[in-house]
C-alpha atoms as a PDB file:
ATOM      1  CA  MET A   1       0.000   0.000   0.000  1.00  0.00           C
ATOM      2  CA  SER A   2       1.302   3.453  -0.836  1.00  0.00           C
ATOM      3  CA  GLU A   3       1.759   6.240   1.691  1.00  0.00           C
ATOM      4  CA  ILE A   4      -1.192   8.549   2.381  1.00  0.00           C
ATOM      5  CA  ARG A   5      -0.406  11.899   0.777  1.00  0.00           C
ATOM      6  CA  GLY A   6      -3.800  13.611   0.970  1.00  0.00           C
ATOM      7  CA  VAL A   7      -7.154  13.480   2.716  1.00  0.00           C
ATOM      8  CA  LEU A   8     -10.629  13.799   1.198  1.00  0.00           C
ATOM      9  CA  LEU A   9     -13.289  14.735   3.745  1.00  0.00           C
ATOM     10  CA  ASP A  10     -17.023  14.191   3.668  1.00  0.00           C
ATOM     11  CA  TRP A  11     -19.049  17.307   4.518  1.00  0.00           C
ATOM     12  CA  ARG A  12     -22.106  16.507   6.648  1.00  0.00           C
ATOM     13  CA  GLY A  13     -21.706  14.197   9.584  1.00  0.00           C
ATOM     14  CA  THR A  14     -17.913  14.466   9.369  1.00  0.00           C
ATOM     15  CA  LEU A  15     -16.977  18.168   9.227  1.00  0.00           C
ATOM     16  CA  VAL A  16     -20.358  19.735   9.999  1.00  0.00           C
ATOM     17  CA  VAL A  17     -23.445  18.646  11.902  1.00  0.00           C
ATOM     18  CA  ALA A  18     -26.179  17.355   9.589  1.00  0.00           C
ATOM     19  CA  PRO A  19     -29.395  19.332  10.067  1.00  0.00           C
ATOM     20  CA  THR A  20     -32.557  17.508  11.088  1.00  0.00           C
ATOM     21  CA  TYR A  21     -35.572  17.629   8.789  1.00  0.00           C
ATOM     22  CA  PRO A  22     -37.757  19.360  11.425  1.00  0.00           C
ATOM     23  CA  TRP A  23     -35.117  22.095  11.761  1.00  0.00           C
ATOM     24  CA  LEU A  24     -34.788  22.366   7.975  1.00  0.00           C
ATOM     25  CA  VAL A  25     -38.548  22.721   7.466  1.00  0.00           C
ATOM     26  CA  ARG A  26     -39.013  25.197  10.337  1.00  0.00           C
ATOM     27  CA  THR A  27     -36.119  27.346   9.116  1.00  0.00           C
ATOM     28  CA  ALA A  28     -37.437  27.323   5.541  1.00  0.00           C
ATOM     29  CA  LEU A  29     -40.945  28.266   6.667  1.00  0.00           C
ATOM     30  CA  GLU A  30     -39.518  31.131   8.749  1.00  0.00           C
ATOM     31  CA  ARG A  31     -37.364  32.366   5.849  1.00  0.00           C
ATOM     32  CA  ALA A  32     -40.374  32.217   3.552  1.00  0.00           C
ATOM     33  CA  GLY A  33     -42.332  34.371   6.016  1.00  0.00           C
ATOM     34  CA  ARG A  34     -44.843  31.604   6.658  1.00  0.00           C
ATOM     35  CA  PRO A  35     -46.261  30.253   9.905  1.00  0.00           C
ATOM     36  CA  SER A  36     -43.680  27.872  11.376  1.00  0.00           C
ATOM     37  CA  GLY A  37     -45.380  26.321  14.368  1.00  0.00           C
ATOM     38  CA  ASP A  38     -45.336  22.623  15.148  1.00  0.00           C
ATOM     39  CA  VAL A  39     -48.523  22.015  13.133  1.00  0.00           C
ATOM     40  CA  GLN A  40     -47.112  23.600   9.968  1.00  0.00           C
ATOM     41  CA  VAL A  41     -43.757  21.847  10.356  1.00  0.00           C
ATOM     42  CA  HIS A  42     -45.506  18.506  10.885  1.00  0.00           C
ATOM     43  CA  GLU A  43     -47.667  19.067   7.796  1.00  0.00           C
ATOM     44  CA  VAL A  44     -44.643  19.634   5.538  1.00  0.00           C
ATOM     45  CA  LEU A  45     -42.712  16.765   7.145  1.00  0.00           C
ATOM     46  CA  SER A  46     -45.655  14.425   6.574  1.00  0.00           C
ATOM     47  CA  ARG A  47     -45.726  15.360   2.902  1.00  0.00           C
ATOM     48  CA  LEU A  48     -41.979  14.831   2.561  1.00  0.00           C
ATOM     49  CA  ARG A  49     -42.124  11.471   4.339  1.00  0.00           C
ATOM     50  CA  SER A  50     -44.913  10.281   2.046  1.00  0.00           C
ATOM     51  CA  ALA A  51     -42.918  11.056  -1.118  1.00  0.00           C
ATOM     52  CA  ASP A  52     -40.201   8.909  -2.662  1.00  0.00           C
ATOM     53  CA  ALA A  53     -36.832  10.200  -1.406  1.00  0.00           C
ATOM     54  CA  THR A  54     -34.754   7.456  -3.023  1.00  0.00           C
ATOM     55  CA  ALA A  55     -32.803   9.851  -5.255  1.00  0.00           C
ATOM     56  CA  VAL A  56     -32.115  12.266  -2.363  1.00  0.00           C
ATOM     57  CA  GLU A  57     -30.873   9.416  -0.165  1.00  0.00           C
ATOM     58  CA  SER A  58     -28.633   7.989  -2.876  1.00  0.00           C
ATOM     59  CA  SER A  59     -24.885   8.423  -2.548  1.00  0.00           C
ATOM     60  CA  GLU A  60     -24.860   9.653  -6.148  1.00  0.00           C
ATOM     61  CA  VAL A  61     -26.422  13.015  -5.241  1.00  0.00           C
ATOM     62  CA  ASP A  62     -23.160  14.026  -3.579  1.00  0.00           C
ATOM     63  CA  THR A  63     -21.205  13.611  -6.807  1.00  0.00           C
ATOM     64  CA  ASP A  64     -22.762  16.447  -8.785  1.00  0.00           C
ATOM     65  CA  ALA A  65     -24.329  19.767  -7.719  1.00  0.00           C
ATOM     66  CA  ASP A  66     -26.914  19.734 -10.522  1.00  0.00           C
ATOM     67  CA  LEU A  67     -27.938  16.179  -9.681  1.00  0.00           C
ATOM     68  CA  HIS A  68     -28.194  17.135  -5.989  1.00  0.00           C
ATOM     69  CA  ARG A  69     -30.532  20.023  -6.759  1.00  0.00           C
ATOM     70  CA  ALA A  70     -32.606  18.022  -9.260  1.00  0.00           C
ATOM     71  CA  ALA A  71     -33.094  15.157  -6.780  1.00  0.00           C
ATOM     72  CA  HIS A  72     -34.225  17.489  -4.017  1.00  0.00           C
ATOM     73  CA  MET A  73     -36.534  19.514  -6.246  1.00  0.00           C
ATOM     74  CA  ALA A  74     -38.137  16.329  -7.618  1.00  0.00           C
ATOM     75  CA  TRP A  75     -38.677  15.101  -4.052  1.00  0.00           C
ATOM     76  CA  PHE A  76     -40.274  18.404  -3.009  1.00  0.00           C
ATOM     77  CA  ARG A  77     -42.462  18.429  -6.136  1.00  0.00           C
ATOM     78  CA  GLU A  78     -43.630  14.828  -5.534  1.00  0.00           C
ATOM     79  CA  ALA A  79     -44.438  15.777  -1.922  1.00  0.00           C
ATOM     80  CA  GLY A  80     -46.707  18.565  -3.170  1.00  0.00           C
ATOM     81  CA  VAL A  81     -44.523  21.362  -1.824  1.00  0.00           C
ATOM     82  CA  ASP A  82     -45.191  24.592  -3.728  1.00  0.00           C
ATOM     83  CA  ASP A  83     -42.374  26.060  -5.819  1.00  0.00           C
ATOM     84  CA  ASP A  84     -41.583  28.974  -3.482  1.00  0.00           C
ATOM     85  CA  LEU A  85     -41.270  26.756  -0.413  1.00  0.00           C
ATOM     86  CA  ALA A  86     -39.321  24.163  -2.420  1.00  0.00           C
ATOM     87  CA  GLU A  87     -36.789  26.829  -3.437  1.00  0.00           C
ATOM     88  CA  THR A  88     -36.518  28.010   0.167  1.00  0.00           C
ATOM     89  CA  LEU A  89     -36.137  24.457   1.486  1.00  0.00           C
ATOM     90  CA  TYR A  90     -33.313  23.842  -0.971  1.00  0.00           C
ATOM     91  CA  ALA A  91     -31.667  27.174  -0.165  1.00  0.00           C
ATOM     92  CA  VAL A  92     -31.686  26.337   3.558  1.00  0.00           C
ATOM     93  CA  GLU A  93     -30.486  22.781   2.910  1.00  0.00           C
ATOM     94  CA  SER A  94     -27.596  24.120   0.838  1.00  0.00           C
ATOM     95  CA  ASP A  95     -26.573  27.146   2.930  1.00  0.00           C
ATOM     96  CA  VAL A  96     -23.087  26.394   4.225  1.00  0.00           C
ATOM     97  CA  ALA A  97     -23.435  29.170   6.801  1.00  0.00           C
ATOM     98  CA  LEU A  98     -26.116  27.095   8.533  1.00  0.00           C
ATOM     99  CA  ASN A  99     -23.775  24.123   8.982  1.00  0.00           C
ATOM    100  CA  PRO A 100     -21.661  24.523  12.137  1.00  0.00           C
ATOM    101  CA  PHE A 101     -18.161  23.087  11.755  1.00  0.00           C
ATOM    102  CA  VAL A 102     -16.834  20.600  14.270  1.00  0.00           C
ATOM    103  CA  ASP A 103     -14.517  22.350  16.745  1.00  0.00           C
ATOM    104  CA  ASP A 104     -11.312  20.603  15.677  1.00  0.00           C
ATOM    105  CA  VAL A 105     -11.642  21.111  11.918  1.00  0.00           C
ATOM    106  CA  GLY A 106      -8.987  23.851  11.813  1.00  0.00           C
ATOM    107  CA  ASP A 107      -6.172  21.491  12.737  1.00  0.00           C
ATOM    108  CA  LEU A 108      -7.045  19.199   9.869  1.00  0.00           C
ATOM    109  CA  LEU A 109      -7.542  21.751   7.068  1.00  0.00           C
ATOM    110  CA  ALA A 110      -3.846  22.612   6.686  1.00  0.00           C
ATOM    111  CA  LEU A 111      -4.219  20.077   3.785  1.00  0.00           C
ATOM    112  CA  ASP A 112      -5.010  22.400   0.870  1.00  0.00           C
ATOM    113  CA  ARG A 113      -4.398  20.449  -2.318  1.00  0.00           C
ATOM    114  CA  LEU A 114      -4.809  16.958  -3.599  1.00  0.00           C
ATOM    115  CA  GLY A 115      -3.809  16.337  -7.212  1.00  0.00           C
ATOM    116  CA  LEU A 116      -3.054  12.760  -6.167  1.00  0.00           C
ATOM    117  CA  ALA A 117      -3.852   9.245  -7.284  1.00  0.00           C
ATOM    118  CA  ALA A 118      -6.709   7.564  -5.385  1.00  0.00           C
ATOM    119  CA  ARG A 119      -4.276   5.101  -3.803  1.00  0.00           C
ATOM    120  CA  ASP A 120      -2.501   8.046  -2.136  1.00  0.00           C
ATOM    121  CA  VAL A 121      -5.647   9.576  -0.599  1.00  0.00           C
ATOM    122  CA  LEU A 122      -7.449   8.859   2.664  1.00  0.00           C
ATOM    123  CA  MET A 123     -11.238   9.338   2.505  1.00  0.00           C
ATOM    124  CA  VAL A 124     -12.817  10.327   5.819  1.00  0.00           C
ATOM    125  CA  GLY A 125     -16.569  10.041   6.169  1.00  0.00           C
ATOM    126  CA  ASP A 126     -19.399   9.065   8.467  1.00  0.00           C
ATOM    127  CA  ARG A 127     -21.523   6.576   6.500  1.00  0.00           C
ATOM    128  CA  GLY A 128     -20.266   3.393   4.918  1.00  0.00           C
ATOM    129  CA  SER A 129     -23.158   3.260   2.483  1.00  0.00           C
ATOM    130  CA  TRP A 130     -22.092   6.597   0.959  1.00  0.00           C
ATOM    131  CA  ASP A 131     -18.514   7.373   1.888  1.00  0.00           C
ATOM    132  CA  GLY A 132     -17.356   3.775   1.724  1.00  0.00           C
ATOM    133  CA  ALA A 133     -17.730   3.914  -2.055  1.00  0.00           C
ATOM    134  CA  ALA A 134     -14.303   5.574  -2.110  1.00  0.00           C
ATOM    135  CA  THR A 135     -12.849   2.107  -1.602  1.00  0.00           C
ATOM    136  CA  ASP A 136     -14.159   1.198  -5.068  1.00  0.00           C
ATOM    137  CA  LEU A 137     -11.811   3.864  -6.426  1.00  0.00           C
ATOM    138  CA  GLY A 138      -8.878   2.480  -4.466  1.00  0.00           C
ATOM    139  CA  MET A 139      -8.941   4.978  -1.597  1.00  0.00           C
ATOM    140  CA  THR A 140      -8.193   3.939   1.959  1.00  0.00           C
ATOM    141  CA  THR A 141     -11.295   4.943   3.933  1.00  0.00           C
ATOM    142  CA  LEU A 142     -11.821   5.882   7.573  1.00  0.00           C
ATOM    143  CA  LEU A 143     -15.406   5.976   8.808  1.00  0.00           C
ATOM    144  CA  LEU A 144     -16.055   7.996  11.959  1.00  0.00           C
ATOM    145  CA  PRO A 145     -19.298   7.951  13.942  1.00  0.00           C
ATOM    146  CA  PRO A 146     -21.717  10.580  12.556  1.00  0.00           C
ATOM    147  CA  LEU A 147     -21.253  14.020  14.071  1.00  0.00           C
ATOM    148  CA  ASN A 148     -24.056  15.179  16.371  1.00  0.00           C
ATOM    149  CA  ARG A 149     -22.596  18.371  17.878  1.00  0.00           C
ATOM    150  CA  PRO A 150     -19.772  20.716  16.850  1.00  0.00           C
ATOM    151  CA  ASP A 151     -17.939  20.076  20.139  1.00  0.00           C
ATOM    152  CA  GLU A 152     -17.435  16.378  19.349  1.00  0.00           C
ATOM    153  CA  ARG A 153     -13.700  16.373  18.802  1.00  0.00           C
ATOM    154  CA  ARG A 154     -12.663  13.333  16.777  1.00  0.00           C
ATOM    155  CA  LEU A 155     -10.779  14.574  13.728  1.00  0.00           C
ATOM    156  CA  HIS A 156      -7.508  14.219  15.643  1.00  0.00           C
ATOM    157  CA  ARG A 157      -7.794  10.526  14.753  1.00  0.00           C
ATOM    158  CA  VAL A 158      -7.113  11.437  11.136  1.00  0.00           C
ATOM    159  CA  LEU A 159      -3.986  13.375  12.076  1.00  0.00           C
ATOM    160  CA  ARG A 160      -2.746  10.419  14.131  1.00  0.00           C
ATOM    161  CA  LEU A 161      -3.084   8.149  11.110  1.00  0.00           C
ATOM    162  CA  LEU A 162      -1.000  10.555   9.036  1.00  0.00           C
ATOM    163  CA  ASP A 163       1.868  10.844  11.563  1.00  0.00           C
END
């Protein structure tokens, strides 16, 4: 096996806390200037849960920004979410400012370029069903437990592997 020369990091669940659907819906309703009480949030969540989210839950949506947007918009449309709320839901889902970084991310992001062969890269993620696909490309993969709070310090494990 070759030496690890770079690290590829998954976004949600590894570097930032993944938002919950109730939070996502409530935030979107608030941003859209709509009532955002428990009843309204539950109504939208019920619609989303009744629609086919297979494309949104696929690991392929993380490989292409256009595919990501198309999958989400199709899901919202199938759930009967109106266009304005669908756009707001997607804007909230995609707003990087609403994703708090894990506290120890700064130590890890001294790694600023890859340009490497897959065999020289370590993939760090939080879900084997999605992030484990890097092994198919020949990448060594480290799966960490999914992040629940920004103060969960665990990225030091990556740095230890690289020492």
